[in-house]
Amino acid sequence: MKLRIQPQVAEALSQNRAVVALESTVITHGLPQPQNLELAQSLEAVIREQGAFPATVAILKGEIVIGLEPAEMTHLATRQAAKASLWNLAAICAKQEDAGTTVATTLHAASLAGIKVFATGGIGGVHDEPFDESADLQALASHPLITVCAGPKSILNVKATLERLESLGVPVIGYKNDYLAGFHLQTSPYRVPVRADSSLEIKKIYQMQSALGLKQGLLISNPVSEGIDEQELKNWLMEAHRQAQKQGLIGKDTTPFLLAKLAELSKGETVTVNLKLLRENARLAAQIALDLAATPEV
């Protein structure tokens, strides 16, 4: 298997120090140049400032890389790359291609490396169209990591996504909040089944999850500190969906179109909020990783 762990990350893992995995589709598909590289660097800096080690995950020439060197991150940010999900990961590796990793693929790669904490923006989930469901949900159910996010992406059927997570046995934990984070919004109308008011409390739940032999990961819902006006977002979403339907978009082509259209309709406001929540999630993930590394397991 083609798996390479950056020496600093490998050393940190061998010494049971705090490591946080980061995805890379935000570099390859999330933002234009040079904003994509600047964001990736800033997320790693946020994690280092907390005292943890960042491990950005990507596919380079068919090799799964856990922790990018600066030159590798620049390479990924300035060239065309595929988007690696679990369904096409083997083909990308076999063809020795470059790719950014989705939530699902990052969870898989981080699990192989022994990383316990992962920070992302929003997870994929259930769309309104029948049978359109992100591989992220099955990955959350089959990889025992702590994933810190700001809830499902705004373009999704949030209620159906929350119900699907429950069916898969994935604990959804609200951080200092009783309601699921609304991605671009501070909150959603849907209550979370569990609330945790500190990173230490999250650590205890994670350790008990492991002790009970449960294989699902924990999904931490971390509301963005300052979100978008709800009615404005609803209006933009309606228009974005209308244009997607007009173009006949289905499946994996829908998400990037809708997110790009939201950015256009909001004059960049959705992008600004997305950058904020990514940094806030990276900070919380680092705190959780530090707690896991500092205290003995149950």
C-alpha atoms as a PDB file:
ATOM      1  CA  MET A   1       0.000   0.000   0.000  1.00  0.00           C
ATOM      2  CA  LYS A   2       1.255   3.453  -0.907  1.00  0.00           C
ATOM      3  CA  LEU A   3       1.232   5.383   2.376  1.00  0.00           C
ATOM      4  CA  ARG A   4       3.801   7.995   3.408  1.00  0.00           C
ATOM      5  CA  ILE A   5       3.728   9.792   6.751  1.00  0.00           C
ATOM      6  CA  GLN A   6       5.664  13.049   7.129  1.00  0.00           C
ATOM      7  CA  PRO A   7       8.581  12.436   9.558  1.00  0.00           C
ATOM      8  CA  GLN A   8       7.394  15.085  12.052  1.00  0.00           C
ATOM      9  CA  VAL A   9       3.909  13.567  12.102  1.00  0.00           C
ATOM     10  CA  ALA A  10       5.276  10.026  12.403  1.00  0.00           C
ATOM     11  CA  GLU A  11       7.459  11.041  15.342  1.00  0.00           C
ATOM     12  CA  ALA A  12       4.544  12.815  17.056  1.00  0.00           C
ATOM     13  CA  LEU A  13       2.343   9.739  16.651  1.00  0.00           C
ATOM     14  CA  SER A  14       5.048   7.420  17.983  1.00  0.00           C
ATOM     15  CA  GLN A  15       5.317   9.623  21.088  1.00  0.00           C
ATOM     16  CA  ASN A  16       1.523   9.825  21.562  1.00  0.00           C
ATOM     17  CA  ARG A  17       1.526  13.567  20.916  1.00  0.00           C
ATOM     18  CA  ALA A  18      -1.415  15.565  19.586  1.00  0.00           C
ATOM     19  CA  VAL A  19      -1.980  15.296  15.824  1.00  0.00           C
ATOM     20  CA  VAL A  20      -4.896  16.712  13.815  1.00  0.00           C
ATOM     21  CA  ALA A  21      -5.711  15.514  10.300  1.00  0.00           C
ATOM     22  CA  LEU A  22      -6.889  18.012   7.674  1.00  0.00           C
ATOM     23  CA  GLU A  23      -8.538  17.333   4.317  1.00  0.00           C
ATOM     24  CA  SER A  24      -7.222  18.780   1.056  1.00  0.00           C
ATOM     25  CA  THR A  25     -10.210  19.239  -1.268  1.00  0.00           C
ATOM     26  CA  VAL A  26     -10.417  22.726   0.217  1.00  0.00           C
ATOM     27  CA  ILE A  27      -7.020  23.264  -1.471  1.00  0.00           C
ATOM     28  CA  THR A  28      -7.777  21.559  -4.777  1.00  0.00           C
ATOM     29  CA  HIS A  29     -11.446  22.417  -5.245  1.00  0.00           C
ATOM     30  CA  GLY A  30     -12.602  24.763  -2.494  1.00  0.00           C
ATOM     31  CA  LEU A  31     -10.950  28.090  -3.255  1.00  0.00           C
ATOM     32  CA  PRO A  32      -9.172  29.874  -6.130  1.00  0.00           C
ATOM     33  CA  GLN A  33      -5.419  30.535  -6.141  1.00  0.00           C
ATOM     34  CA  PRO A  34      -3.691  31.892  -4.098  1.00  0.00           C
ATOM     35  CA  GLN A  35      -6.454  31.883  -1.466  1.00  0.00           C
ATOM     36  CA  ASN A  36      -6.429  28.082  -1.344  1.00  0.00           C
ATOM     37  CA  LEU A  37      -2.768  27.872  -0.359  1.00  0.00           C
ATOM     38  CA  GLU A  38      -3.080  30.710   2.154  1.00  0.00           C
ATOM     39  CA  LEU A  39      -5.999  28.957   3.852  1.00  0.00           C
ATOM     40  CA  ALA A  40      -4.207  25.599   4.028  1.00  0.00           C
ATOM     41  CA  GLN A  41      -1.171  27.263   5.580  1.00  0.00           C
ATOM     42  CA  SER A  42      -3.309  29.206   8.061  1.00  0.00           C
ATOM     43  CA  LEU A  43      -5.152  26.059   9.204  1.00  0.00           C
ATOM     44  CA  GLU A  44      -1.856  24.335   9.909  1.00  0.00           C
ATOM     45  CA  ALA A  45      -0.661  27.453  11.750  1.00  0.00           C
ATOM     46  CA  VAL A  46      -3.788  27.478  13.954  1.00  0.00           C
ATOM     47  CA  ILE A  47      -3.118  23.876  14.987  1.00  0.00           C
ATOM     48  CA  ARG A  48       0.568  24.543  15.693  1.00  0.00           C
ATOM     49  CA  GLU A  49      -0.329  27.601  17.789  1.00  0.00           C
ATOM     50  CA  GLN A  50      -2.351  25.320  20.066  1.00  0.00           C
ATOM     51  CA  GLY A  51       0.639  22.997  20.474  1.00  0.00           C
ATOM     52  CA  ALA A  52      -0.528  20.175  18.190  1.00  0.00           C
ATOM     53  CA  PHE A  53       0.831  18.812  14.905  1.00  0.00           C
ATOM     54  CA  PRO A  54      -1.143  19.331  11.668  1.00  0.00           C
ATOM     55  CA  ALA A  55      -1.316  16.494   9.146  1.00  0.00           C
ATOM     56  CA  THR A  56      -2.838  17.617   5.863  1.00  0.00           C
ATOM     57  CA  VAL A  57      -3.778  14.539   3.842  1.00  0.00           C
ATOM     58  CA  ALA A  58      -3.512  14.327   0.036  1.00  0.00           C
ATOM     59  CA  ILE A  59      -2.705  11.969  -2.836  1.00  0.00           C
ATOM     60  CA  LEU A  60       0.551  12.773  -4.655  1.00  0.00           C
ATOM     61  CA  LYS A  61       1.527  10.672  -7.674  1.00  0.00           C
ATOM     62  CA  GLY A  62      -0.695   7.896  -6.393  1.00  0.00           C
ATOM     63  CA  GLU A  63       0.777   7.916  -2.903  1.00  0.00           C
ATOM     64  CA  ILE A  64      -1.356   8.653   0.175  1.00  0.00           C
ATOM     65  CA  VAL A  65       0.567  11.364   2.018  1.00  0.00           C
ATOM     66  CA  ILE A  66      -0.131  12.122   5.687  1.00  0.00           C
ATOM     67  CA  GLY A  67       1.362  15.541   6.373  1.00  0.00           C
ATOM     68  CA  LEU A  68       2.454  17.704   3.451  1.00  0.00           C
ATOM     69  CA  GLU A  69       5.805  19.408   3.131  1.00  0.00           C
ATOM     70  CA  PRO A  70       5.566  23.118   2.151  1.00  0.00           C
ATOM     71  CA  ALA A  71       6.623  22.397  -1.439  1.00  0.00           C
ATOM     72  CA  GLU A  72       4.052  19.601  -1.707  1.00  0.00           C
ATOM     73  CA  MET A  73       1.279  21.864  -0.472  1.00  0.00           C
ATOM     74  CA  THR A  74       2.267  24.515  -3.022  1.00  0.00           C
ATOM     75  CA  HIS A  75       2.322  21.853  -5.755  1.00  0.00           C
ATOM     76  CA  LEU A  76      -1.179  20.705  -4.840  1.00  0.00           C
ATOM     77  CA  ALA A  77      -2.508  24.266  -4.660  1.00  0.00           C
ATOM     78  CA  THR A  78      -1.184  25.370  -8.042  1.00  0.00           C
ATOM     79  CA  ARG A  79      -1.987  22.392 -10.295  1.00  0.00           C
ATOM     80  CA  GLN A  80      -5.046  20.575 -11.538  1.00  0.00           C
ATOM     81  CA  ALA A  81      -5.875  17.658  -9.273  1.00  0.00           C
ATOM     82  CA  ALA A  82      -8.635  15.096  -8.939  1.00  0.00           C
ATOM     83  CA  LYS A  83     -11.001  14.783  -5.985  1.00  0.00           C
ATOM     84  CA  ALA A  84     -10.395  11.492  -4.168  1.00  0.00           C
ATOM     85  CA  SER A  85     -13.371   9.865  -2.501  1.00  0.00           C
ATOM     86  CA  LEU A  86     -13.515   6.233  -1.437  1.00  0.00           C
ATOM     87  CA  TRP A  87     -15.153   5.106  -4.683  1.00  0.00           C
ATOM     88  CA  ASN A  88     -12.255   6.329  -6.873  1.00  0.00           C
ATOM     89  CA  LEU A  89      -9.318   6.196  -4.427  1.00  0.00           C
ATOM     90  CA  ALA A  90      -7.921   2.921  -5.768  1.00  0.00           C
ATOM     91  CA  ALA A  91      -8.050   4.147  -9.370  1.00  0.00           C
ATOM     92  CA  ILE A  92      -6.317   7.440  -8.508  1.00  0.00           C
ATOM     93  CA  CYS A  93      -3.543   5.612  -6.657  1.00  0.00           C
ATOM     94  CA  ALA A  94      -3.153   3.007  -9.408  1.00  0.00           C
ATOM     95  CA  LYS A  95      -2.874   5.722 -12.068  1.00  0.00           C
ATOM     96  CA  GLN A  96      -0.381   7.669  -9.908  1.00  0.00           C
ATOM     97  CA  GLU A  97      -2.439  10.854  -9.984  1.00  0.00           C
ATOM     98  CA  ASP A  98      -2.570  13.872  -7.669  1.00  0.00           C
ATOM     99  CA  ALA A  99      -5.781  14.447  -5.719  1.00  0.00           C
ATOM    100  CA  GLY A 100      -7.329  16.336  -2.859  1.00  0.00           C
ATOM    101  CA  THR A 101      -8.998  14.142  -0.262  1.00  0.00           C
ATOM    102  CA  THR A 102     -12.649  14.415   0.756  1.00  0.00           C
ATOM    103  CA  VAL A 103     -13.892  13.940   4.308  1.00  0.00           C
ATOM    104  CA  ALA A 104     -14.410  10.218   3.645  1.00  0.00           C
ATOM    105  CA  THR A 105     -10.951   9.642   2.176  1.00  0.00           C
ATOM    106  CA  THR A 106      -9.227  11.749   4.817  1.00  0.00           C
ATOM    107  CA  LEU A 107     -10.921   9.717   7.549  1.00  0.00           C
ATOM    108  CA  HIS A 108      -9.729   6.495   5.915  1.00  0.00           C
ATOM    109  CA  ALA A 109      -6.152   7.715   5.479  1.00  0.00           C
ATOM    110  CA  ALA A 110      -5.952   9.218   8.975  1.00  0.00           C
ATOM    111  CA  SER A 111      -7.254   5.969  10.441  1.00  0.00           C
ATOM    112  CA  LEU A 112      -4.525   4.010   8.640  1.00  0.00           C
ATOM    113  CA  ALA A 113      -1.943   6.366  10.166  1.00  0.00           C
ATOM    114  CA  GLY A 114      -3.356   6.094  13.702  1.00  0.00           C
ATOM    115  CA  ILE A 115      -4.584   9.698  13.923  1.00  0.00           C
ATOM    116  CA  LYS A 116      -7.580  10.177  16.236  1.00  0.00           C
ATOM    117  CA  VAL A 117      -8.777  13.720  15.469  1.00  0.00           C
ATOM    118  CA  PHE A 118      -9.829  15.331  12.185  1.00  0.00           C
ATOM    119  CA  ALA A 119     -10.955  18.910  11.476  1.00  0.00           C
ATOM    120  CA  THR A 120     -13.064  19.915   8.494  1.00  0.00           C
ATOM    121  CA  GLY A 121     -15.601  22.559   7.518  1.00  0.00           C
ATOM    122  CA  GLY A 122     -18.894  20.848   6.803  1.00  0.00           C
ATOM    123  CA  ILE A 123     -19.612  17.199   6.163  1.00  0.00           C
ATOM    124  CA  GLY A 124     -21.399  15.765   3.152  1.00  0.00           C
ATOM    125  CA  GLY A 125     -24.745  14.121   3.721  1.00  0.00           C
ATOM    126  CA  VAL A 126     -28.166  13.454   2.242  1.00  0.00           C
ATOM    127  CA  HIS A 127     -29.336  15.585  -0.697  1.00  0.00           C
ATOM    128  CA  ASP A 128     -32.953  16.274  -1.575  1.00  0.00           C
ATOM    129  CA  GLU A 129     -32.604  14.176  -4.734  1.00  0.00           C
ATOM    130  CA  PRO A 130     -33.407  10.478  -4.166  1.00  0.00           C
ATOM    131  CA  PHE A 131     -30.443   8.159  -3.593  1.00  0.00           C
ATOM    132  CA  ASP A 132     -27.920  11.017  -3.499  1.00  0.00           C
ATOM    133  CA  GLU A 133     -25.944  10.485  -0.309  1.00  0.00           C
ATOM    134  CA  SER A 134     -22.336  11.365   0.462  1.00  0.00           C
ATOM    135  CA  ALA A 135     -19.782   8.660   1.232  1.00  0.00           C
ATOM    136  CA  ASP A 136     -18.836  10.823   4.239  1.00  0.00           C
ATOM    137  CA  LEU A 137     -21.649   9.284   6.296  1.00  0.00           C
ATOM    138  CA  GLN A 138     -20.521   5.676   5.896  1.00  0.00           C
ATOM    139  CA  ALA A 139     -16.935   6.782   6.539  1.00  0.00           C
ATOM    140  CA  LEU A 140     -17.949   8.438   9.814  1.00  0.00           C
ATOM    141  CA  ALA A 141     -19.666   5.185  10.789  1.00  0.00           C
ATOM    142  CA  SER A 142     -16.674   2.977  10.001  1.00  0.00           C
ATOM    143  CA  HIS A 143     -13.622   4.981  11.138  1.00  0.00           C
ATOM    144  CA  PRO A 144     -13.209   5.634  14.895  1.00  0.00           C
ATOM    145  CA  LEU A 145     -11.987   9.232  14.744  1.00  0.00           C
ATOM    146  CA  ILE A 146     -13.270  12.434  16.293  1.00  0.00           C
ATOM    147  CA  THR A 147     -14.432  14.681  13.449  1.00  0.00           C
ATOM    148  CA  VAL A 148     -14.897  18.371  14.252  1.00  0.00           C
ATOM    149  CA  CYS A 149     -17.189  20.182  11.824  1.00  0.00           C
ATOM    150  CA  ALA A 150     -19.744  22.995  11.584  1.00  0.00           C
ATOM    151  CA  GLY A 151     -22.544  20.600  10.693  1.00  0.00           C
ATOM    152  CA  PRO A 152     -23.678  19.323   7.295  1.00  0.00           C
ATOM    153  CA  LYS A 153     -23.148  21.677   4.351  1.00  0.00           C
ATOM    154  CA  SER A 154     -25.969  24.187   3.864  1.00  0.00           C
ATOM    155  CA  ILE A 155     -27.005  22.724   0.502  1.00  0.00           C
ATOM    156  CA  LEU A 156     -28.066  19.407   2.098  1.00  0.00           C
ATOM    157  CA  ASN A 157     -31.216  17.999   3.626  1.00  0.00           C
ATOM    158  CA  VAL A 158     -30.005  18.520   7.186  1.00  0.00           C
ATOM    159  CA  LYS A 159     -32.857  16.677   8.904  1.00  0.00           C
ATOM    160  CA  ALA A 160     -32.383  13.587   6.723  1.00  0.00           C
ATOM    161  CA  THR A 161     -28.613  13.739   7.249  1.00  0.00           C
ATOM    162  CA  LEU A 162     -29.034  13.810  11.036  1.00  0.00           C
ATOM    163  CA  GLU A 163     -31.455  10.871  10.883  1.00  0.00           C
ATOM    164  CA  ARG A 164     -29.063   8.901   8.672  1.00  0.00           C
ATOM    165  CA  LEU A 165     -26.211   9.479  11.123  1.00  0.00           C
ATOM    166  CA  GLU A 166     -28.426   8.143  13.898  1.00  0.00           C
ATOM    167  CA  SER A 167     -29.247   5.041  11.825  1.00  0.00           C
ATOM    168  CA  LEU A 168     -25.532   4.463  11.273  1.00  0.00           C
ATOM    169  CA  GLY A 169     -24.844   4.751  15.004  1.00  0.00           C
ATOM    170  CA  VAL A 170     -22.680   7.873  14.732  1.00  0.00           C
ATOM    171  CA  PRO A 171     -22.815   9.970  17.947  1.00  0.00           C
ATOM    172  CA  VAL A 172     -23.476  13.617  17.074  1.00  0.00           C
ATOM    173  CA  ILE A 173     -22.258  15.865  19.873  1.00  0.00           C
ATOM    174  CA  GLY A 174     -23.047  19.561  20.136  1.00  0.00           C
ATOM    175  CA  TYR A 175     -20.113  21.578  21.451  1.00  0.00           C
ATOM    176  CA  LYS A 176     -21.513  24.047  23.996  1.00  0.00           C
ATOM    177  CA  ASN A 177     -24.825  23.881  22.129  1.00  0.00           C
ATOM    178  CA  ASP A 178     -28.019  21.799  22.169  1.00  0.00           C
ATOM    179  CA  TYR A 179     -28.673  22.248  18.446  1.00  0.00           C
ATOM    180  CA  LEU A 180     -26.859  21.006  15.369  1.00  0.00           C
ATOM    181  CA  ALA A 181     -24.552  23.621  13.872  1.00  0.00           C
ATOM    182  CA  GLY A 182     -25.927  25.115  10.663  1.00  0.00           C
ATOM    183  CA  PHE A 183     -22.657  25.414   8.678  1.00  0.00           C
ATOM    184  CA  HIS A 184     -23.102  28.955   7.273  1.00  0.00           C
ATOM    185  CA  LEU A 185     -25.688  29.547  10.017  1.00  0.00           C
ATOM    186  CA  GLN A 186     -24.830  29.495  13.711  1.00  0.00           C
ATOM    187  CA  THR A 187     -27.485  26.897  14.387  1.00  0.00           C
ATOM    188  CA  SER A 188     -30.167  24.696  12.847  1.00  0.00           C
ATOM    189  CA  PRO A 189     -33.656  23.789  14.147  1.00  0.00           C
ATOM    190  CA  TYR A 190     -32.521  20.258  15.000  1.00  0.00           C
ATOM    191  CA  ARG A 191     -31.481  19.207  18.492  1.00  0.00           C
ATOM    192  CA  VAL A 192     -28.385  17.069  18.900  1.00  0.00           C
ATOM    193  CA  PRO A 193     -28.675  13.920  21.031  1.00  0.00           C
ATOM    194  CA  VAL A 194     -25.626  14.766  23.157  1.00  0.00           C
ATOM    195  CA  ARG A 195     -24.061  18.003  24.382  1.00  0.00           C
ATOM    196  CA  ALA A 196     -20.465  18.468  25.570  1.00  0.00           C
ATOM    197  CA  ASP A 197     -19.249  21.679  27.175  1.00  0.00           C
ATOM    198  CA  SER A 198     -15.501  21.049  27.057  1.00  0.00           C
ATOM    199  CA  SER A 199     -12.857  19.223  25.068  1.00  0.00           C
ATOM    200  CA  LEU A 200     -12.220  17.082  28.152  1.00  0.00           C
ATOM    201  CA  GLU A 201     -15.835  15.921  28.098  1.00  0.00           C
ATOM    202  CA  ILE A 202     -15.466  14.995  24.425  1.00  0.00           C
ATOM    203  CA  LYS A 203     -12.312  13.053  25.297  1.00  0.00           C
ATOM    204  CA  LYS A 204     -14.162  11.040  27.948  1.00  0.00           C
ATOM    205  CA  ILE A 205     -16.993  10.166  25.562  1.00  0.00           C
ATOM    206  CA  TYR A 206     -14.487   9.096  22.900  1.00  0.00           C
ATOM    207  CA  GLN A 207     -12.592   6.884  25.322  1.00  0.00           C
ATOM    208  CA  MET A 208     -15.832   5.262  26.512  1.00  0.00           C
ATOM    209  CA  GLN A 209     -16.896   4.731  22.890  1.00  0.00           C
ATOM    210  CA  SER A 210     -13.652   2.827  22.337  1.00  0.00           C
ATOM    211  CA  ALA A 211     -13.901   0.896  25.615  1.00  0.00           C
ATOM    212  CA  LEU A 212     -17.390  -0.295  24.649  1.00  0.00           C
ATOM    213  CA  GLY A 213     -16.068  -1.673  21.375  1.00  0.00           C
ATOM    214  CA  LEU A 214     -18.091   0.736  19.238  1.00  0.00           C
ATOM    215  CA  LYS A 215     -16.470   1.306  15.843  1.00  0.00           C
ATOM    216  CA  GLN A 216     -18.162   4.556  14.853  1.00  0.00           C
ATOM    217  CA  GLY A 217     -16.385   7.868  15.133  1.00  0.00           C
ATOM    218  CA  LEU A 218     -17.700  10.905  17.015  1.00  0.00           C
ATOM    219  CA  LEU A 219     -19.057  13.865  15.067  1.00  0.00           C
ATOM    220  CA  ILE A 220     -18.537  17.142  16.928  1.00  0.00           C
ATOM    221  CA  SER A 221     -20.879  19.952  15.896  1.00  0.00           C
ATOM    222  CA  ASN A 222     -19.059  23.256  16.473  1.00  0.00           C
ATOM    223  CA  PRO A 223     -21.216  26.294  15.584  1.00  0.00           C
ATOM    224  CA  VAL A 224     -19.463  29.122  13.758  1.00  0.00           C
ATOM    225  CA  SER A 225     -19.068  32.169  16.004  1.00  0.00           C
ATOM    226  CA  GLU A 226     -20.731  34.514  13.499  1.00  0.00           C
ATOM    227  CA  GLY A 227     -22.978  33.168  10.746  1.00  0.00           C
ATOM    228  CA  ILE A 228     -25.092  34.437   7.869  1.00  0.00           C
ATOM    229  CA  ASP A 229     -28.641  35.787   8.126  1.00  0.00           C
ATOM    230  CA  GLU A 230     -30.980  32.800   7.794  1.00  0.00           C
ATOM    231  CA  GLN A 231     -33.476  34.361   5.387  1.00  0.00           C
ATOM    232  CA  GLU A 232     -30.744  35.634   3.097  1.00  0.00           C
ATOM    233  CA  LEU A 233     -29.183  32.175   2.963  1.00  0.00           C
ATOM    234  CA  LYS A 234     -32.566  30.577   2.191  1.00  0.00           C
ATOM    235  CA  ASN A 235     -33.061  32.977  -0.727  1.00  0.00           C
ATOM    236  CA  TRP A 236     -29.598  32.249  -2.119  1.00  0.00           C
ATOM    237  CA  LEU A 237     -30.118  28.491  -1.731  1.00  0.00           C
ATOM    238  CA  MET A 238     -33.454  28.600  -3.576  1.00  0.00           C
ATOM    239  CA  GLU A 239     -31.873  30.457  -6.479  1.00  0.00           C
ATOM    240  CA  ALA A 240     -28.821  28.166  -6.547  1.00  0.00           C
ATOM    241  CA  HIS A 241     -31.031  25.050  -6.603  1.00  0.00           C
ATOM    242  CA  ARG A 242     -33.204  26.586  -9.328  1.00  0.00           C
ATOM    243  CA  GLN A 243     -30.177  27.169 -11.543  1.00  0.00           C
ATOM    244  CA  ALA A 244     -28.807  23.680 -10.849  1.00  0.00           C
ATOM    245  CA  GLN A 245     -32.124  22.139 -11.904  1.00  0.00           C
ATOM    246  CA  LYS A 246     -32.207  24.329 -15.005  1.00  0.00           C
ATOM    247  CA  GLN A 247     -28.812  22.942 -16.019  1.00  0.00           C
ATOM    248  CA  GLY A 248     -29.881  19.383 -15.257  1.00  0.00           C
ATOM    249  CA  LEU A 249     -27.103  18.759 -12.735  1.00  0.00           C
ATOM    250  CA  ILE A 250     -27.222  15.555 -10.706  1.00  0.00           C
ATOM    251  CA  GLY A 251     -24.973  13.568  -8.362  1.00  0.00           C
ATOM    252  CA  LYS A 252     -21.421  14.656  -7.660  1.00  0.00           C
ATOM    253  CA  ASP A 253     -21.658  17.656 -10.015  1.00  0.00           C
ATOM    254  CA  THR A 254     -24.317  19.294  -7.846  1.00  0.00           C
ATOM    255  CA  THR A 255     -22.324  20.148  -4.715  1.00  0.00           C
ATOM    256  CA  PRO A 256     -19.484  22.188  -6.298  1.00  0.00           C
ATOM    257  CA  PHE A 257     -21.973  24.049  -8.494  1.00  0.00           C
ATOM    258  CA  LEU A 258     -24.238  24.962  -5.575  1.00  0.00           C
ATOM    259  CA  LEU A 259     -21.360  26.096  -3.356  1.00  0.00           C
ATOM    260  CA  ALA A 260     -19.894  28.225  -6.159  1.00  0.00           C
ATOM    261  CA  LYS A 261     -23.309  29.716  -6.899  1.00  0.00           C
ATOM    262  CA  LEU A 262     -23.822  30.547  -3.201  1.00  0.00           C
ATOM    263  CA  ALA A 263     -20.476  32.350  -3.176  1.00  0.00           C
ATOM    264  CA  GLU A 264     -21.516  34.320  -6.255  1.00  0.00           C
ATOM    265  CA  LEU A 265     -24.991  35.218  -4.993  1.00  0.00           C
ATOM    266  CA  SER A 266     -23.704  36.225  -1.547  1.00  0.00           C
ATOM    267  CA  LYS A 267     -20.860  38.288  -3.034  1.00  0.00           C
ATOM    268  CA  GLY A 268     -18.343  36.173  -1.156  1.00  0.00           C
ATOM    269  CA  GLU A 269     -20.091  36.188   2.222  1.00  0.00           C
ATOM    270  CA  THR A 270     -20.467  32.394   2.303  1.00  0.00           C
ATOM    271  CA  VAL A 271     -16.755  32.011   1.570  1.00  0.00           C
ATOM    272  CA  THR A 272     -15.834  34.392   4.399  1.00  0.00           C
ATOM    273  CA  VAL A 273     -17.939  32.407   6.867  1.00  0.00           C
ATOM    274  CA  ASN A 274     -16.490  29.145   5.548  1.00  0.00           C
ATOM    275  CA  LEU A 275     -12.942  30.364   6.202  1.00  0.00           C
ATOM    276  CA  LYS A 276     -13.907  31.421   9.719  1.00  0.00           C
ATOM    277  CA  LEU A 277     -15.501  28.104  10.643  1.00  0.00           C
ATOM    278  CA  LEU A 278     -12.574  26.121   9.221  1.00  0.00           C
ATOM    279  CA  ARG A 279     -10.154  27.970  11.502  1.00  0.00           C
ATOM    280  CA  GLU A 280     -12.448  27.630  14.523  1.00  0.00           C
ATOM    281  CA  ASN A 281     -12.837  23.891  13.909  1.00  0.00           C
ATOM    282  CA  ALA A 282      -9.082  23.451  13.563  1.00  0.00           C
ATOM    283  CA  ARG A 283      -8.593  25.205  16.903  1.00  0.00           C
ATOM    284  CA  LEU A 284     -11.126  23.012  18.721  1.00  0.00           C
ATOM    285  CA  ALA A 285      -9.741  19.855  17.111  1.00  0.00           C
ATOM    286  CA  ALA A 286      -6.259  20.743  18.345  1.00  0.00           C
ATOM    287  CA  GLN A 287      -7.578  21.219  21.888  1.00  0.00           C
ATOM    288  CA  ILE A 288      -9.274  17.811  21.779  1.00  0.00           C
ATOM    289  CA  ALA A 289      -6.124  16.163  20.408  1.00  0.00           C
ATOM    290  CA  LEU A 290      -4.060  17.720  23.196  1.00  0.00           C
ATOM    291  CA  ASP A 291      -6.468  16.381  25.821  1.00  0.00           C
ATOM    292  CA  LEU A 292      -6.321  12.899  24.306  1.00  0.00           C
ATOM    293  CA  ALA A 293      -2.531  12.966  24.326  1.00  0.00           C
ATOM    294  CA  ALA A 294      -2.226  14.373  27.856  1.00  0.00           C
ATOM    295  CA  THR A 295      -4.445  11.985  29.788  1.00  0.00           C
ATOM    296  CA  PRO A 296      -4.475   8.206  30.116  1.00  0.00           C
ATOM    297  CA  GLU A 297      -7.213   6.181  28.449  1.00  0.00           C
ATOM    298  CA  VAL A 298     -10.002   4.594  30.502  1.00  0.00           C
END
